[in-house]
N, C-alpha and C. Protein backbone atom coordinates (compact mmCIF):
# COMPACT_ATOMS: atom_id res chain seq x y z
N MET A 1 156.44 107.85 -0.64
CA MET A 1 156.94 107.21 1.15
C MET A 1 156.17 105.46 0.70
N SER A 2 156.58 104.43 1.33
CA SER A 2 155.41 103.57 0.76
C SER A 2 154.86 103.25 2.63
N GLU A 3 153.75 102.96 3.04
CA GLU A 3 153.16 102.17 3.78
C GLU A 3 153.95 102.27 4.79
N LYS A 4 152.81 103.00 6.36
CA LYS A 4 154.07 102.81 7.78
C LYS A 4 153.28 101.94 8.46
N ILE A 5 153.57 100.96 8.26
CA ILE A 5 153.63 99.84 8.59
C ILE A 5 154.08 99.03 9.38
N TYR A 6 154.99 100.12 10.48
CA TYR A 6 156.22 99.86 11.56
C TYR A 6 155.86 100.19 12.52
N GLU A 7 155.59 99.97 14.02
CA GLU A 7 155.26 100.84 15.12
C GLU A 7 156.07 101.08 16.42
N LEU A 8 156.44 101.47 16.83
CA LEU A 8 158.03 102.18 17.77
C LEU A 8 156.95 100.74 18.60
N ARG A 9 158.11 100.37 19.72
CA ARG A 9 157.65 99.70 20.65
C ARG A 9 158.32 100.74 22.37
N GLU A 10 159.73 101.08 21.34
CA GLU A 10 160.15 101.52 22.92
C GLU A 10 160.75 102.89 22.67
N TYR A 11 161.01 103.50 23.88
CA TYR A 11 161.50 105.34 23.31
C TYR A 11 162.85 104.81 23.12
N ILE A 12 163.60 105.84 21.59
CA ILE A 12 164.29 106.08 20.73
C ILE A 12 165.55 107.35 21.62
N GLY A 13 166.82 106.94 21.90
CA GLY A 13 167.45 108.46 21.89
C GLY A 13 168.74 107.98 21.25
N TYR A 14 169.36 108.90 20.31
CA TYR A 14 170.16 108.88 19.51
C TYR A 14 170.68 109.58 19.15
N PHE A 15 171.98 109.97 20.13
CA PHE A 15 173.59 111.35 19.85
C PHE A 15 174.53 110.50 18.90
N SER A 16 174.50 111.98 17.66
CA SER A 16 175.75 111.82 16.61
C SER A 16 176.88 112.23 17.64
N LYS A 17 177.61 111.77 17.84
CA LYS A 17 178.29 111.74 18.25
C LYS A 17 179.98 112.88 16.88
N ARG A 18 179.17 112.71 15.32
CA ARG A 18 179.69 113.24 14.72
C ARG A 18 179.57 114.93 14.74
N TYR A 19 178.58 114.58 15.20
CA TYR A 19 177.29 115.83 14.84
C TYR A 19 177.42 117.07 15.85
N GLY A 20 177.09 116.27 16.69
CA GLY A 20 177.29 116.73 18.54
C GLY A 20 176.12 117.17 18.97
N LYS A 21 174.58 116.40 18.41
CA LYS A 21 173.25 116.49 17.90
C LYS A 21 172.69 115.00 18.35
N CYS A 22 171.17 115.53 19.04
CA CYS A 22 170.33 114.01 19.51
C CYS A 22 169.47 114.32 18.32
N VAL A 23 168.54 113.06 18.45
CA VAL A 23 167.48 112.43 17.37
C VAL A 23 165.99 112.08 18.68
N THR A 24 165.16 112.09 19.17
CA THR A 24 164.34 110.95 20.01
C THR A 24 163.21 110.81 19.22
N LEU A 25 162.41 109.10 19.27
CA LEU A 25 161.64 109.21 18.59
C LEU A 25 160.87 107.98 20.31
N ASP A 26 159.68 108.62 20.21
CA ASP A 26 158.86 108.00 21.65
C ASP A 26 157.66 106.82 20.89
N ILE A 27 157.64 105.88 21.68
CA ILE A 27 156.71 104.89 21.29
C ILE A 27 155.60 104.68 20.88
N GLY A 28 154.95 104.34 19.69
CA GLY A 28 154.70 104.75 18.54
C GLY A 28 154.52 104.94 17.46
N TYR A 29 155.40 105.79 17.17
CA TYR A 29 156.07 106.27 15.66
C TYR A 29 155.79 105.07 14.90
N MET A 30 155.73 105.17 13.92
CA MET A 30 154.86 104.57 13.13
C MET A 30 156.21 104.88 11.67
N SER A 31 156.47 103.77 10.83
CA SER A 31 158.21 103.61 10.01
C SER A 31 157.58 103.08 8.61
N ASP A 32 157.53 102.96 7.25
CA ASP A 32 157.61 102.62 6.63
C ASP A 32 158.98 101.24 7.00
N GLY A 33 160.06 101.03 7.63
CA GLY A 33 161.03 100.42 7.32
C GLY A 33 161.98 100.91 6.73
N ALA A 34 162.94 100.72 5.72
CA ALA A 34 163.91 100.66 5.20
C ALA A 34 163.21 100.44 3.26
N THR A 35 163.14 101.96 3.20
CA THR A 35 161.63 102.44 1.48
C THR A 35 162.54 101.16 0.62
N GLY A 36 162.04 100.48 0.36
CA GLY A 36 162.78 99.97 -1.34
C GLY A 36 164.27 98.95 -1.06
N ALA A 37 163.84 98.62 -0.33
CA ALA A 37 165.51 98.05 0.32
C ALA A 37 164.45 96.63 1.76
N PRO A 38 165.42 95.59 2.22
CA PRO A 38 164.94 94.89 3.10
C PRO A 38 164.96 95.43 3.96
N ASP A 39 163.93 95.27 5.55
CA ASP A 39 164.38 95.91 6.23
C ASP A 39 165.38 94.73 6.96
N LEU A 40 165.99 95.26 8.09
CA LEU A 40 167.39 94.53 8.77
C LEU A 40 166.73 94.46 10.15
N LYS A 41 167.76 93.34 10.43
CA LYS A 41 166.67 93.33 12.06
C LYS A 41 167.75 93.80 12.70
N GLY A 42 168.22 94.17 13.73
CA GLY A 42 168.56 95.03 14.98
C GLY A 42 167.53 94.94 15.83
N PRO A 43 168.50 95.62 17.25
CA PRO A 43 168.06 95.59 17.87
C PRO A 43 165.98 96.87 19.40
N ILE A 44 165.76 97.40 17.96
CA ILE A 44 164.53 98.26 18.31
C ILE A 44 163.52 97.32 17.86
N LYS A 45 163.38 97.45 19.41
CA LYS A 45 161.21 97.09 19.42
C LYS A 45 160.37 97.27 18.82
N CYS A 46 160.05 96.34 17.82
CA CYS A 46 158.72 97.00 16.60
C CYS A 46 157.48 96.05 17.04
N LEU A 47 156.33 96.79 16.19
CA LEU A 47 155.39 95.96 15.61
C LEU A 47 155.87 95.74 14.18
N ARG A 48 155.47 95.05 13.38
CA ARG A 48 155.70 94.79 11.78
C ARG A 48 154.29 93.76 11.68
N LYS A 49 153.17 94.87 11.21
CA LYS A 49 152.23 94.19 10.90
C LYS A 49 151.32 93.77 12.05
N GLY A 50 151.23 94.38 13.49
CA GLY A 50 151.40 93.63 14.55
C GLY A 50 151.76 92.64 14.56
N GLU A 51 152.83 91.95 14.17
CA GLU A 51 153.30 91.25 14.33
C GLU A 51 154.81 91.75 15.64
N PRO A 52 155.44 90.94 16.91
CA PRO A 52 156.64 91.98 17.01
C PRO A 52 158.01 91.95 16.12
N PHE A 53 158.40 92.41 15.95
CA PHE A 53 159.42 92.57 15.46
C PHE A 53 161.32 93.28 16.05
N ASP A 54 162.14 92.69 14.95
CA ASP A 54 163.61 93.69 16.41
C ASP A 54 164.18 94.06 14.53
N ALA A 55 164.30 95.29 15.24
CA ALA A 55 165.16 96.34 13.65
C ALA A 55 165.83 96.94 13.85
N SER A 56 166.51 97.26 13.15
CA SER A 56 167.63 98.24 12.81
C SER A 56 167.76 99.71 13.33
N MET A 57 168.62 100.52 14.12
CA MET A 57 167.63 101.76 13.85
C MET A 57 168.43 102.51 13.29
N PHE A 58 168.78 102.03 12.29
CA PHE A 58 169.37 102.58 11.50
C PHE A 58 167.85 104.02 10.60
N TRP A 59 166.86 103.17 10.59
CA TRP A 59 165.88 103.71 9.31
C TRP A 59 164.82 104.63 11.05
N TRP A 60 164.79 103.98 11.51
CA TRP A 60 164.32 104.45 12.69
C TRP A 60 164.45 106.37 12.65
N VAL A 61 165.67 106.13 13.02
CA VAL A 61 166.69 107.44 13.01
C VAL A 61 166.29 108.74 11.78
N HIS A 62 166.62 107.11 10.71
CA HIS A 62 166.48 108.23 9.41
C HIS A 62 165.37 108.95 8.93
N ASP A 63 164.22 108.60 9.35
CA ASP A 63 163.47 108.27 8.97
C ASP A 63 162.60 109.30 9.47
N LYS A 64 163.13 109.45 11.14
CA LYS A 64 162.38 110.76 11.86
C LYS A 64 162.70 111.73 11.03
N LEU A 65 164.28 111.75 11.12
CA LEU A 65 165.70 113.17 10.34
C LEU A 65 164.53 113.55 9.57
N CYS A 66 164.30 112.84 7.79
CA CYS A 66 163.27 112.99 6.77
C CYS A 66 162.07 113.24 6.94
N ASP A 67 161.51 113.03 8.30
CA ASP A 67 160.27 113.35 8.70
C ASP A 67 159.90 115.57 9.10
N THR A 68 160.71 116.00 9.84
CA THR A 68 160.70 116.43 10.30
C THR A 68 161.73 117.18 9.99
N GLY A 69 162.95 116.70 9.32
CA GLY A 69 163.98 118.10 8.97
C GLY A 69 164.62 118.91 10.16
N MET A 70 164.59 118.04 10.91
CA MET A 70 165.29 118.68 12.40
C MET A 70 165.82 118.03 13.68
N TRP A 71 166.69 118.28 13.99
CA TRP A 71 167.31 117.82 16.06
C TRP A 71 165.83 117.28 16.59
N ALA A 72 166.54 116.47 17.99
CA ALA A 72 166.00 117.36 19.19
C ALA A 72 166.72 118.43 18.63
N GLY A 73 165.61 119.62 19.85
CA GLY A 73 166.23 121.10 20.34
C GLY A 73 165.43 122.13 19.18
N GLY A 74 165.23 121.81 17.97
CA GLY A 74 165.02 122.73 17.34
C GLY A 74 165.53 122.52 15.23
N THR A 75 166.92 122.19 15.73
CA THR A 75 168.04 122.74 14.99
C THR A 75 168.17 122.48 13.36
N ARG A 76 168.59 122.65 12.36
CA ARG A 76 167.60 122.21 11.56
C ARG A 76 168.69 121.16 10.42
N ALA A 77 168.16 120.05 10.15
CA ALA A 77 169.52 118.79 9.77
C ALA A 77 169.82 119.35 7.97
N THR A 78 170.14 118.69 7.16
CA THR A 78 170.18 118.56 6.57
C THR A 78 170.38 117.54 5.41
N ASN A 79 169.99 117.56 4.33
CA ASN A 79 170.08 115.61 3.51
C ASN A 79 171.20 115.04 4.17
N TRP A 80 172.63 115.88 3.92
CA TRP A 80 174.31 115.30 3.81
C TRP A 80 174.39 114.81 5.66
N GLN A 81 174.00 115.30 6.56
CA GLN A 81 173.76 115.38 7.64
C GLN A 81 173.65 113.81 7.73
N ILE A 82 171.54 113.67 7.64
CA ILE A 82 171.05 112.73 7.89
C ILE A 82 171.42 111.55 7.28
N ALA A 83 171.62 111.72 6.19
CA ALA A 83 172.37 110.64 4.90
C ALA A 83 173.41 109.97 6.22
N MET A 84 174.42 110.80 7.01
CA MET A 84 175.91 110.76 7.45
C MET A 84 175.74 109.64 8.37
N VAL A 85 174.22 110.26 9.76
CA VAL A 85 174.05 109.62 10.59
C VAL A 85 173.22 108.27 10.81
N ALA A 86 173.01 107.78 8.96
CA ALA A 86 172.03 106.42 8.84
C ALA A 86 173.86 105.89 8.84
N LYS A 87 174.52 106.24 8.09
CA LYS A 87 175.45 105.37 7.54
C LYS A 87 175.97 104.85 8.80
N ASP A 88 176.24 105.85 9.69
CA ASP A 88 177.04 105.96 10.88
C ASP A 88 175.93 104.60 11.64
N ILE A 89 175.17 104.72 11.94
CA ILE A 89 174.93 103.80 12.33
C ILE A 89 174.51 102.17 12.01
N LEU A 90 174.75 101.93 10.62
CA LEU A 90 174.57 100.84 9.31
C LEU A 90 176.32 100.26 9.92
N LYS A 91 177.19 100.92 10.09
CA LYS A 91 178.41 100.42 10.18
C LYS A 91 178.73 100.23 11.84
N SER A 92 178.07 100.96 12.61
CA SER A 92 177.88 100.41 13.79
C SER A 92 176.77 98.79 14.14
N GLU A 93 176.02 99.38 13.02
CA GLU A 93 175.82 97.49 13.59
C GLU A 93 176.04 95.99 12.47
N GLY A 94 177.86 96.98 12.60
CA GLY A 94 178.38 95.11 11.26
C GLY A 94 177.81 95.63 9.56
N HIS A 95 176.63 96.35 9.47
CA HIS A 95 176.45 96.65 8.17
C HIS A 95 177.33 97.10 7.10
N TYR A 96 178.84 96.33 7.14
CA TYR A 96 180.02 97.42 6.17
C TYR A 96 179.70 97.30 4.97
N VAL A 97 179.01 96.88 4.16
CA VAL A 97 178.55 96.90 2.50
C VAL A 97 178.07 97.87 2.07
N ARG A 98 177.00 97.93 3.05
CA ARG A 98 175.60 98.40 3.17
C ARG A 98 175.84 99.72 3.06
N ASP A 99 176.46 100.16 3.66
CA ASP A 99 176.57 101.29 5.04
C ASP A 99 176.99 102.54 4.22
N PHE A 100 177.58 102.30 2.25
CA PHE A 100 178.78 103.21 1.81
C PHE A 100 177.79 102.95 0.94
N TRP A 101 176.12 101.80 0.31
CA TRP A 101 175.41 102.49 -0.51
C TRP A 101 174.28 102.55 -0.63
N TRP A 102 174.39 102.32 0.86
CA TRP A 102 172.72 102.92 1.64
C TRP A 102 172.80 104.62 2.16
N PHE A 103 173.96 104.96 1.87
CA PHE A 103 174.22 106.41 2.39
C PHE A 103 174.12 106.80 1.18
N LEU A 104 174.30 106.82 -0.42
CA LEU A 104 174.85 107.51 -1.74
C LEU A 104 173.33 107.46 -1.71
N ALA A 105 172.62 106.19 -1.49
CA ALA A 105 171.04 106.08 -2.49
C ALA A 105 169.97 107.20 -1.38
N MET A 106 169.79 107.15 -0.48
CA MET A 106 169.85 108.27 1.02
C MET A 106 170.23 109.50 0.51
N PHE A 107 171.45 109.79 0.10
CA PHE A 107 171.61 110.79 -0.31
C PHE A 107 171.03 111.55 -1.34
N LEU A 108 171.06 110.76 -1.96
CA LEU A 108 171.08 111.30 -3.83
C LEU A 108 169.28 111.35 -3.80
N PHE A 109 168.63 110.70 -3.47
CA PHE A 109 166.99 110.01 -4.07
C PHE A 109 166.73 110.72 -2.45
N GLY A 110 167.04 110.93 -1.99
CA GLY A 110 166.30 110.64 -0.37
C GLY A 110 166.60 111.89 0.31
N GLY A 111 165.62 111.86 1.60
CA GLY A 111 165.86 113.52 2.43
C GLY A 111 164.86 113.63 3.54
N GLY A 112 163.60 114.22 2.68
CA GLY A 112 162.23 114.78 2.73
C GLY A 112 162.76 116.09 2.98
N GLU A 113 162.02 116.04 4.77
CA GLU A 113 161.75 117.76 5.39
C GLU A 113 163.18 118.46 4.74
N ALA A 114 164.34 117.31 5.13
CA ALA A 114 165.63 118.02 5.89
C ALA A 114 166.02 117.70 3.73
N ARG A 115 166.20 117.71 3.06
CA ARG A 115 166.81 117.93 1.76
C ARG A 115 165.84 119.71 1.25
N LYS A 116 164.91 120.13 1.51
CA LYS A 116 164.55 121.11 1.94
C LYS A 116 165.76 123.11 2.51
N ASN A 117 166.06 121.56 3.50
CA ASN A 117 167.07 122.47 4.45
C ASN A 117 168.50 123.09 3.08
N GLY A 118 169.07 121.78 2.50
CA GLY A 118 169.61 121.87 2.16
C GLY A 118 170.25 120.78 1.72
N MET A 119 171.51 120.22 0.68
CA MET A 119 171.54 119.14 0.26
C MET A 119 173.33 119.08 1.46
N LEU A 120 173.42 120.24 1.58
CA LEU A 120 175.08 120.22 1.97
C LEU A 120 175.68 120.73 3.57
N HIS A 121 174.85 121.33 3.38
CA HIS A 121 175.41 123.04 4.74
C HIS A 121 173.77 123.75 5.11
N LEU A 122 174.75 124.63 5.67
CA LEU A 122 173.01 125.50 6.74
C LEU A 122 173.65 126.78 7.08
N LYS A 123 174.42 126.80 5.93
CA LYS A 123 175.35 128.20 6.02
C LYS A 123 174.64 129.87 5.78
N HIS A 124 173.02 129.90 5.62
CA HIS A 124 172.28 130.23 4.98
C HIS A 124 171.01 130.16 6.32
N ILE A 125 171.55 129.62 6.73
CA ILE A 125 170.72 129.93 8.54
C ILE A 125 171.30 130.70 9.94
N LYS A 126 170.85 131.48 9.97
CA LYS A 126 171.98 131.99 10.98
C LYS A 126 172.94 131.44 11.99
N GLY A 127 173.69 130.83 12.59
CA GLY A 127 174.24 130.54 13.49
C GLY A 127 173.96 128.70 14.28
N GLU A 128 173.88 128.21 12.09
CA GLU A 128 174.08 127.54 11.84
C GLU A 128 175.18 126.37 10.68
N THR A 129 176.44 126.21 11.16
CA THR A 129 177.23 126.17 10.02
C THR A 129 177.79 124.88 10.40
N LYS A 130 177.39 123.58 11.55
CA LYS A 130 177.76 122.12 11.29
C LYS A 130 177.33 121.98 10.56
């Protein structure tokens, strides 16, 4: 992972309609941005190397899920789920070409802690089948 140069300046609460689960990020959370790709502008207030920057929500939510491998409330997330959530957010922000290609790259090469939970599903964990 690259150097974490972005600092979140607002609370984020994201609810995935697809999975019925939440992700929360507190003010001060640090990120490296869209690792290996251009950082997209969006509605989220942050600092980039100390300077104000309006960022896409997708990388914040994706980074939190990669860092922890968990949804809010302690349910484990899979690599597929976090790539799909990033795709959903990119699409909602109007990034219609990136949503597919970045999903594919995130699923195949990313995932962090969520990748350790499984690539596609959590059938091996009692009660977690979504």
